[in-house]
């Protein structure tokens, strides 16, 4: 999204629909490109406007622009908060996840008293867990819920803790959707338990989203996503912190 090659790639990816997904062909390169621009919102804003302008000129039917972005600090946050994440999940989900992880552990007795966050970290330590369909299905709800909580609620100096989230939110995007098993590489697993996120640049809201975030630290969330809406409600995040577009 931040280089001529990326512009060409997303042009090629368009299939004629009203929504264009800005899909990086190499998540690792894409992540590095985003991180390198995080310190300069002016540069990021310029690049995004350039991409959108070029694409709209060539494909007038495009109405919505989404990214597919990494979540580089999710696992780090999970490690830092392993003892407390259980309280961030619905009780029934937390209990069922704990039971499954203890039952499937090679050292079940020693795991019974471990924090749920640590059990999740241990279960996803390598990419092998993705080849187990039962485990993959069982981990989807708790990890996606925690990831949503991380994106909408975890802050540093009033802004998003995640650097890629901060980049897109400060440039006027909203959090659109978390994608399960979207980056199954070792790096994707190490950074975000294989999840990625879509940021949606809704043109009519870009300026107001940008101002709400930079001036008041308010994060825009897309209203069509039930997971995000539920997490916002469960975390009791008021409109002074998160708002729906």
C-alpha atoms as a PDB file:
ATOM      1  CA  UNK A   1       0.000   0.000   0.000  1.00  0.00           C
ATOM      2  CA  UNK A   2       2.993   2.257   0.407  1.00  0.00           C
ATOM      3  CA  UNK A   3       4.889   1.554  -2.815  1.00  0.00           C
ATOM      4  CA  UNK A   4       4.283   1.621  -6.537  1.00  0.00           C
ATOM      5  CA  UNK A   5       4.418  -2.164  -6.649  1.00  0.00           C
ATOM      6  CA  UNK A   6       1.634  -2.366  -4.075  1.00  0.00           C
ATOM      7  CA  UNK A   7      -0.554  -0.010  -6.096  1.00  0.00           C
ATOM      8  CA  UNK A   8      -0.112  -2.205  -9.153  1.00  0.00           C
ATOM      9  CA  UNK A   9      -0.870  -5.303  -7.104  1.00  0.00           C
ATOM     10  CA  UNK A  10      -4.144  -4.002  -5.729  1.00  0.00           C
ATOM     11  CA  UNK A  11      -5.216  -2.845  -9.184  1.00  0.00           C
ATOM     12  CA  UNK A  12      -4.674  -6.385 -10.410  1.00  0.00           C
ATOM     13  CA  UNK A  13      -6.635  -7.771  -7.453  1.00  0.00           C
ATOM     14  CA  UNK A  14      -9.807  -5.835  -8.238  1.00  0.00           C
ATOM     15  CA  UNK A  15     -12.534  -8.081  -9.628  1.00  0.00           C
ATOM     16  CA  UNK A  16     -15.085  -5.439 -10.536  1.00  0.00           C
ATOM     17  CA  UNK A  17     -16.939  -5.312  -7.215  1.00  0.00           C
ATOM     18  CA  UNK A  18     -17.692  -2.131  -5.297  1.00  0.00           C
ATOM     19  CA  UNK A  19     -15.188  -3.054  -2.590  1.00  0.00           C
ATOM     20  CA  UNK A  20     -11.460  -3.314  -3.159  1.00  0.00           C
ATOM     21  CA  UNK A  21      -9.313  -5.227  -0.707  1.00  0.00           C
ATOM     22  CA  UNK A  22      -5.782  -3.894  -0.525  1.00  0.00           C
ATOM     23  CA  UNK A  23      -4.071  -7.247  -0.135  1.00  0.00           C
ATOM     24  CA  UNK A  24      -0.306  -7.362   0.434  1.00  0.00           C
ATOM     25  CA  UNK A  25       1.216 -10.318  -1.399  1.00  0.00           C
ATOM     26  CA  UNK A  26       4.065 -10.462   1.117  1.00  0.00           C
ATOM     27  CA  UNK A  27       2.839  -9.730   4.673  1.00  0.00           C
ATOM     28  CA  UNK A  28       6.388  -9.484   5.995  1.00  0.00           C
ATOM     29  CA  UNK A  29       7.402  -6.783   3.532  1.00  0.00           C
ATOM     30  CA  UNK A  30       4.092  -5.003   4.038  1.00  0.00           C
ATOM     31  CA  UNK A  31       4.519  -4.960   7.812  1.00  0.00           C
ATOM     32  CA  UNK A  32       8.004  -3.503   7.514  1.00  0.00           C
ATOM     33  CA  UNK A  33       6.749  -0.822   5.146  1.00  0.00           C
ATOM     34  CA  UNK A  34       3.966   0.192   7.502  1.00  0.00           C
ATOM     35  CA  UNK A  35       6.195   0.236  10.563  1.00  0.00           C
ATOM     36  CA  UNK A  36       8.758   2.448   8.835  1.00  0.00           C
ATOM     37  CA  UNK A  37       6.100   5.119   8.296  1.00  0.00           C
ATOM     38  CA  UNK A  38       4.516   5.079  11.713  1.00  0.00           C
ATOM     39  CA  UNK A  39       6.455   8.044  13.027  1.00  0.00           C
ATOM     40  CA  UNK A  40       5.237  10.335  10.242  1.00  0.00           C
ATOM     41  CA  UNK A  41       1.485  10.625   9.913  1.00  0.00           C
ATOM     42  CA  UNK A  42       1.923  13.176   7.116  1.00  0.00           C
ATOM     43  CA  UNK A  43       3.776  10.603   4.998  1.00  0.00           C
ATOM     44  CA  UNK A  44       1.206   7.921   5.743  1.00  0.00           C
ATOM     45  CA  UNK A  45      -1.682  10.201   4.913  1.00  0.00           C
ATOM     46  CA  UNK A  46      -0.030  11.261   1.667  1.00  0.00           C
ATOM     47  CA  UNK A  47       0.550   7.668   0.566  1.00  0.00           C
ATOM     48  CA  UNK A  48      -2.983   6.567   1.391  1.00  0.00           C
ATOM     49  CA  UNK A  49      -4.521   9.511  -0.446  1.00  0.00           C
ATOM     50  CA  UNK A  50      -2.294   8.791  -3.409  1.00  0.00           C
ATOM     51  CA  UNK A  51      -3.307   5.138  -3.579  1.00  0.00           C
ATOM     52  CA  UNK A  52      -7.000   5.947  -3.193  1.00  0.00           C
ATOM     53  CA  UNK A  53      -6.804   8.732  -5.757  1.00  0.00           C
ATOM     54  CA  UNK A  54      -5.100   6.570  -8.369  1.00  0.00           C
ATOM     55  CA  UNK A  55      -7.458   3.659  -7.874  1.00  0.00           C
ATOM     56  CA  UNK A  56     -10.608   5.781  -7.969  1.00  0.00           C
ATOM     57  CA  UNK A  57      -9.409   7.453 -11.156  1.00  0.00           C
ATOM     58  CA  UNK A  58      -8.810   4.117 -12.873  1.00  0.00           C
ATOM     59  CA  UNK A  59     -11.748   2.225 -11.325  1.00  0.00           C
ATOM     60  CA  UNK A  60     -14.602   4.694 -10.660  1.00  0.00           C
ATOM     61  CA  UNK A  61     -16.876   1.898  -9.424  1.00  0.00           C
ATOM     62  CA  UNK A  62     -14.781   1.278  -6.325  1.00  0.00           C
ATOM     63  CA  UNK A  63     -16.509   2.652  -3.249  1.00  0.00           C
ATOM     64  CA  UNK A  64     -14.695   1.043  -0.315  1.00  0.00           C
ATOM     65  CA  UNK A  65     -11.014   0.541   0.417  1.00  0.00           C
ATOM     66  CA  UNK A  66      -9.792  -2.030   2.948  1.00  0.00           C
ATOM     67  CA  UNK A  67      -6.351  -3.134   4.042  1.00  0.00           C
ATOM     68  CA  UNK A  68      -5.252  -6.563   5.213  1.00  0.00           C
ATOM     69  CA  UNK A  69      -2.862  -5.701   8.008  1.00  0.00           C
ATOM     70  CA  UNK A  70      -0.624  -7.465  10.533  1.00  0.00           C
ATOM     71  CA  UNK A  71      -1.137  -7.201  14.298  1.00  0.00           C
ATOM     72  CA  UNK A  72       2.508  -7.189  15.388  1.00  0.00           C
ATOM     73  CA  UNK A  73       2.172  -6.738  19.149  1.00  0.00           C
ATOM     74  CA  UNK A  74      -0.780  -8.959  20.003  1.00  0.00           C
ATOM     75  CA  UNK A  75       1.251 -11.900  21.312  1.00  0.00           C
ATOM     76  CA  UNK A  76       3.527  -9.543  23.235  1.00  0.00           C
ATOM     77  CA  UNK A  77       0.479  -8.023  24.906  1.00  0.00           C
ATOM     78  CA  UNK A  78      -0.874 -11.503  25.665  1.00  0.00           C
ATOM     79  CA  UNK A  79       2.432 -12.410  27.309  1.00  0.00           C
ATOM     80  CA  UNK A  80       2.389  -9.222  29.377  1.00  0.00           C
ATOM     81  CA  UNK A  81      -1.189  -9.884  30.532  1.00  0.00           C
ATOM     82  CA  UNK A  82      -1.296 -13.685  30.704  1.00  0.00           C
ATOM     83  CA  UNK A  83      -2.590 -13.636  34.272  1.00  0.00           C
ATOM     84  CA  UNK A  84      -5.462 -11.264  33.550  1.00  0.00           C
ATOM     85  CA  UNK A  85      -6.925 -12.129  30.157  1.00  0.00           C
ATOM     86  CA  UNK A  86      -9.323 -14.745  31.545  1.00  0.00           C
ATOM     87  CA  UNK A  87     -11.416 -11.935  33.027  1.00  0.00           C
ATOM     88  CA  UNK A  88     -11.697 -10.398  29.552  1.00  0.00           C
ATOM     89  CA  UNK A  89     -13.598 -13.406  28.187  1.00  0.00           C
ATOM     90  CA  UNK A  90     -17.170 -14.552  28.825  1.00  0.00           C
ATOM     91  CA  UNK A  91     -17.000 -17.018  31.719  1.00  0.00           C
ATOM     92  CA  UNK A  92     -18.409 -19.965  29.779  1.00  0.00           C
ATOM     93  CA  UNK A  93     -15.926 -19.437  26.947  1.00  0.00           C
ATOM     94  CA  UNK A  94     -13.018 -19.094  29.360  1.00  0.00           C
ATOM     95  CA  UNK A  95     -13.996 -22.268  31.235  1.00  0.00           C
ATOM     96  CA  UNK A  96     -14.453 -24.394  28.106  1.00  0.00           C
ATOM     97  CA  UNK A  97     -11.183 -23.159  26.612  1.00  0.00           C
ATOM     98  CA  UNK A  98      -9.277 -23.886  29.802  1.00  0.00           C
ATOM     99  CA  UNK A  99     -10.742 -27.389  30.054  1.00  0.00           C
ATOM    100  CA  UNK A 100      -9.824 -28.252  26.479  1.00  0.00           C
ATOM    101  CA  UNK A 101      -6.275 -26.929  26.794  1.00  0.00           C
ATOM    102  CA  UNK A 102      -5.693 -28.793  30.045  1.00  0.00           C
ATOM    103  CA  UNK A 103      -7.172 -32.014  28.673  1.00  0.00           C
ATOM    104  CA  UNK A 104      -5.043 -31.907  25.522  1.00  0.00           C
ATOM    105  CA  UNK A 105      -1.817 -30.990  27.305  1.00  0.00           C
ATOM    106  CA  UNK A 106       0.920 -33.572  27.726  1.00  0.00           C
ATOM    107  CA  UNK A 107       1.330 -32.338  31.308  1.00  0.00           C
ATOM    108  CA  UNK A 108      -2.301 -31.865  32.300  1.00  0.00           C
ATOM    109  CA  UNK A 109      -1.766 -31.928  36.068  1.00  0.00           C
ATOM    110  CA  UNK A 110       0.784 -29.118  35.977  1.00  0.00           C
ATOM    111  CA  UNK A 111      -1.427 -26.999  33.725  1.00  0.00           C
ATOM    112  CA  UNK A 112      -4.583 -26.964  35.852  1.00  0.00           C
ATOM    113  CA  UNK A 113      -3.510 -23.955  37.907  1.00  0.00           C
ATOM    114  CA  UNK A 114      -1.817 -22.058  35.078  1.00  0.00           C
ATOM    115  CA  UNK A 115      -3.328 -18.745  33.915  1.00  0.00           C
ATOM    116  CA  UNK A 116      -5.512 -19.130  30.842  1.00  0.00           C
ATOM    117  CA  UNK A 117      -3.359 -16.619  29.013  1.00  0.00           C
ATOM    118  CA  UNK A 118      -0.312 -18.806  29.537  1.00  0.00           C
ATOM    119  CA  UNK A 119      -2.207 -21.877  28.337  1.00  0.00           C
ATOM    120  CA  UNK A 120      -3.104 -20.026  25.137  1.00  0.00           C
ATOM    121  CA  UNK A 121       0.498 -18.969  24.630  1.00  0.00           C
ATOM    122  CA  UNK A 122       1.784 -22.490  25.210  1.00  0.00           C
ATOM    123  CA  UNK A 123      -0.786 -24.009  22.847  1.00  0.00           C
ATOM    124  CA  UNK A 124       0.200 -21.658  20.024  1.00  0.00           C
ATOM    125  CA  UNK A 125       3.947 -21.654  20.616  1.00  0.00           C
ATOM    126  CA  UNK A 126       4.673 -23.179  17.207  1.00  0.00           C
ATOM    127  CA  UNK A 127       2.655 -23.345  13.996  1.00  0.00           C
ATOM    128  CA  UNK A 128       1.815 -27.021  14.603  1.00  0.00           C
ATOM    129  CA  UNK A 129      -1.424 -26.141  16.388  1.00  0.00           C
ATOM    130  CA  UNK A 130      -2.912 -24.997  13.079  1.00  0.00           C
ATOM    131  CA  UNK A 131      -2.812 -28.549  11.741  1.00  0.00           C
ATOM    132  CA  UNK A 132      -5.145 -29.750  14.520  1.00  0.00           C
ATOM    133  CA  UNK A 133      -8.730 -28.947  13.410  1.00  0.00           C
ATOM    134  CA  UNK A 134     -10.204 -29.454  16.890  1.00  0.00           C
ATOM    135  CA  UNK A 135      -7.687 -27.138  18.537  1.00  0.00           C
ATOM    136  CA  UNK A 136      -7.924 -24.596  15.735  1.00  0.00           C
ATOM    137  CA  UNK A 137     -11.697 -24.394  16.090  1.00  0.00           C
ATOM    138  CA  UNK A 138     -11.555 -24.236  19.896  1.00  0.00           C
ATOM    139  CA  UNK A 139      -9.020 -21.404  19.959  1.00  0.00           C
ATOM    140  CA  UNK A 140     -10.781 -19.229  17.400  1.00  0.00           C
ATOM    141  CA  UNK A 141     -13.368 -17.622  19.688  1.00  0.00           C
ATOM    142  CA  UNK A 142     -11.090 -16.843  22.668  1.00  0.00           C
ATOM    143  CA  UNK A 143      -8.174 -15.569  20.609  1.00  0.00           C
ATOM    144  CA  UNK A 144     -10.323 -13.450  18.296  1.00  0.00           C
ATOM    145  CA  UNK A 145     -12.159 -11.997  21.290  1.00  0.00           C
ATOM    146  CA  UNK A 146      -8.887 -11.125  23.006  1.00  0.00           C
ATOM    147  CA  UNK A 147      -7.507  -9.676  19.783  1.00  0.00           C
ATOM    148  CA  UNK A 148     -10.578  -7.469  19.406  1.00  0.00           C
ATOM    149  CA  UNK A 149     -10.130  -6.318  23.004  1.00  0.00           C
ATOM    150  CA  UNK A 150      -6.474  -5.595  22.304  1.00  0.00           C
ATOM    151  CA  UNK A 151      -7.240  -3.492  19.234  1.00  0.00           C
ATOM    152  CA  UNK A 152     -10.103  -1.414  20.627  1.00  0.00           C
ATOM    153  CA  UNK A 153      -9.114  -1.019  24.281  1.00  0.00           C
ATOM    154  CA  UNK A 154      -5.342  -1.272  24.800  1.00  0.00           C
ATOM    155  CA  UNK A 155      -3.698   2.144  24.661  1.00  0.00           C
ATOM    156  CA  UNK A 156      -0.334   3.789  25.040  1.00  0.00           C
ATOM    157  CA  UNK A 157      -0.397   7.489  25.858  1.00  0.00           C
ATOM    158  CA  UNK A 158      -4.031   7.598  24.797  1.00  0.00           C
ATOM    159  CA  UNK A 159      -3.528   6.026  21.365  1.00  0.00           C
ATOM    160  CA  UNK A 160      -3.584   2.442  20.120  1.00  0.00           C
ATOM    161  CA  UNK A 161      -0.834   0.252  21.550  1.00  0.00           C
ATOM    162  CA  UNK A 162      -0.497  -1.643  18.272  1.00  0.00           C
ATOM    163  CA  UNK A 163       1.711   0.365  15.862  1.00  0.00           C
ATOM    164  CA  UNK A 164      -0.087  -0.699  12.686  1.00  0.00           C
ATOM    165  CA  UNK A 165      -3.474   0.063  14.241  1.00  0.00           C
ATOM    166  CA  UNK A 166      -2.161   3.458  15.288  1.00  0.00           C
ATOM    167  CA  UNK A 167      -0.957   4.136  11.751  1.00  0.00           C
ATOM    168  CA  UNK A 168      -4.290   3.391  10.090  1.00  0.00           C
ATOM    169  CA  UNK A 169      -6.520   4.902  12.779  1.00  0.00           C
ATOM    170  CA  UNK A 170      -4.638   8.169  12.773  1.00  0.00           C
ATOM    171  CA  UNK A 171      -5.072   8.306   9.009  1.00  0.00           C
ATOM    172  CA  UNK A 172      -8.855   7.983   9.278  1.00  0.00           C
ATOM    173  CA  UNK A 173      -9.589   4.272   8.964  1.00  0.00           C
ATOM    174  CA  UNK A 174     -11.937   2.240  11.140  1.00  0.00           C
ATOM    175  CA  UNK A 175     -11.367  -1.277  12.467  1.00  0.00           C
ATOM    176  CA  UNK A 176     -13.433  -3.478  10.173  1.00  0.00           C
ATOM    177  CA  UNK A 177     -12.814  -7.188  10.778  1.00  0.00           C
ATOM    178  CA  UNK A 178     -10.377  -9.624  12.395  1.00  0.00           C
ATOM    179  CA  UNK A 179      -9.412 -12.541  10.154  1.00  0.00           C
ATOM    180  CA  UNK A 180      -8.679 -15.964  11.610  1.00  0.00           C
ATOM    181  CA  UNK A 181      -5.649 -17.888  10.247  1.00  0.00           C
ATOM    182  CA  UNK A 182      -4.912 -15.093   7.793  1.00  0.00           C
ATOM    183  CA  UNK A 183      -1.130 -15.303   8.230  1.00  0.00           C
ATOM    184  CA  UNK A 184      -0.041 -18.834   9.074  1.00  0.00           C
ATOM    185  CA  UNK A 185       3.679 -18.184   8.679  1.00  0.00           C
ATOM    186  CA  UNK A 186       6.004 -18.527  11.660  1.00  0.00           C
ATOM    187  CA  UNK A 187       6.192 -14.760  11.915  1.00  0.00           C
ATOM    188  CA  UNK A 188       2.424 -14.416  11.725  1.00  0.00           C
ATOM    189  CA  UNK A 189       2.029 -16.944  14.523  1.00  0.00           C
ATOM    190  CA  UNK A 190       4.767 -15.340  16.607  1.00  0.00           C
ATOM    191  CA  UNK A 191       3.285 -11.866  16.314  1.00  0.00           C
ATOM    192  CA  UNK A 192      -0.465 -12.402  16.291  1.00  0.00           C
ATOM    193  CA  UNK A 193      -1.378 -16.098  16.602  1.00  0.00           C
ATOM    194  CA  UNK A 194      -1.908 -16.090  12.817  1.00  0.00           C
ATOM    195  CA  UNK A 195      -4.580 -13.364  12.807  1.00  0.00           C
ATOM    196  CA  UNK A 196      -4.722 -10.249  10.622  1.00  0.00           C
ATOM    197  CA  UNK A 197      -7.129  -7.319  10.593  1.00  0.00           C
ATOM    198  CA  UNK A 198      -8.925  -5.251   7.978  1.00  0.00           C
ATOM    199  CA  UNK A 199      -8.915  -1.467   8.317  1.00  0.00           C
ATOM    200  CA  UNK A 200     -11.626   0.191   6.234  1.00  0.00           C
ATOM    201  CA  UNK A 201     -11.123   3.642   4.748  1.00  0.00           C
ATOM    202  CA  UNK A 202     -14.707   4.854   4.443  1.00  0.00           C
ATOM    203  CA  UNK A 203     -14.227   8.019   2.432  1.00  0.00           C
ATOM    204  CA  UNK A 204     -17.092   9.944   4.031  1.00  0.00           C
ATOM    205  CA  UNK A 205     -15.667   9.293   7.518  1.00  0.00           C
ATOM    206  CA  UNK A 206     -11.905   9.519   6.981  1.00  0.00           C
ATOM    207  CA  UNK A 207     -11.557  13.138   8.095  1.00  0.00           C
ATOM    208  CA  UNK A 208     -13.848  12.860  11.126  1.00  0.00           C
ATOM    209  CA  UNK A 209     -12.251   9.549  12.173  1.00  0.00           C
ATOM    210  CA  UNK A 210      -8.813  11.134  11.908  1.00  0.00           C
ATOM    211  CA  UNK A 211      -9.788  14.113  14.063  1.00  0.00           C
ATOM    212  CA  UNK A 212     -11.593  12.002  16.664  1.00  0.00           C
ATOM    213  CA  UNK A 213      -8.550   9.767  17.055  1.00  0.00           C
ATOM    214  CA  UNK A 214      -5.795  12.379  17.050  1.00  0.00           C
ATOM    215  CA  UNK A 215      -7.573  14.943  19.235  1.00  0.00           C
ATOM    216  CA  UNK A 216      -9.500  12.665  21.610  1.00  0.00           C
ATOM    217  CA  UNK A 217      -8.047   9.157  21.238  1.00  0.00           C
ATOM    218  CA  UNK A 218     -11.402   7.807  20.036  1.00  0.00           C
ATOM    219  CA  UNK A 219     -11.198   4.661  17.902  1.00  0.00           C
ATOM    220  CA  UNK A 220     -13.645   4.119  15.036  1.00  0.00           C
ATOM    221  CA  UNK A 221     -15.138   0.611  14.739  1.00  0.00           C
ATOM    222  CA  UNK A 222     -17.291  -0.639  11.881  1.00  0.00           C
ATOM    223  CA  UNK A 223     -20.857  -1.213  13.041  1.00  0.00           C
ATOM    224  CA  UNK A 224     -21.457  -4.314  10.920  1.00  0.00           C
ATOM    225  CA  UNK A 225     -19.053  -6.491  12.926  1.00  0.00           C
ATOM    226  CA  UNK A 226     -20.787  -8.364  15.790  1.00  0.00           C
ATOM    227  CA  UNK A 227     -17.530  -9.470  17.439  1.00  0.00           C
ATOM    228  CA  UNK A 228     -16.224  -5.931  17.730  1.00  0.00           C
ATOM    229  CA  UNK A 229     -19.600  -4.636  18.912  1.00  0.00           C
ATOM    230  CA  UNK A 230     -19.789  -7.325  21.601  1.00  0.00           C
ATOM    231  CA  UNK A 231     -16.259  -6.661  22.830  1.00  0.00           C
ATOM    232  CA  UNK A 232     -16.914  -2.918  23.010  1.00  0.00           C
ATOM    233  CA  UNK A 233     -20.038  -3.606  25.097  1.00  0.00           C
ATOM    234  CA  UNK A 234     -18.394  -6.225  27.347  1.00  0.00           C
ATOM    235  CA  UNK A 235     -15.413  -3.975  28.026  1.00  0.00           C
ATOM    236  CA  UNK A 236     -17.829  -1.144  28.865  1.00  0.00           C
ATOM    237  CA  UNK A 237     -16.058   1.207  26.493  1.00  0.00           C
ATOM    238  CA  UNK A 238     -17.993   4.448  26.263  1.00  0.00           C
ATOM    239  CA  UNK A 239     -18.272   6.737  23.254  1.00  0.00           C
ATOM    240  CA  UNK A 240     -15.476   8.836  24.686  1.00  0.00           C
ATOM    241  CA  UNK A 241     -13.165   5.902  23.875  1.00  0.00           C
ATOM    242  CA  UNK A 242     -14.717   3.996  20.944  1.00  0.00           C
ATOM    243  CA  UNK A 243     -17.433   4.921  18.466  1.00  0.00           C
ATOM    244  CA  UNK A 244     -19.315   3.081  15.719  1.00  0.00           C
ATOM    245  CA  UNK A 245     -19.340   4.150  12.072  1.00  0.00           C
END
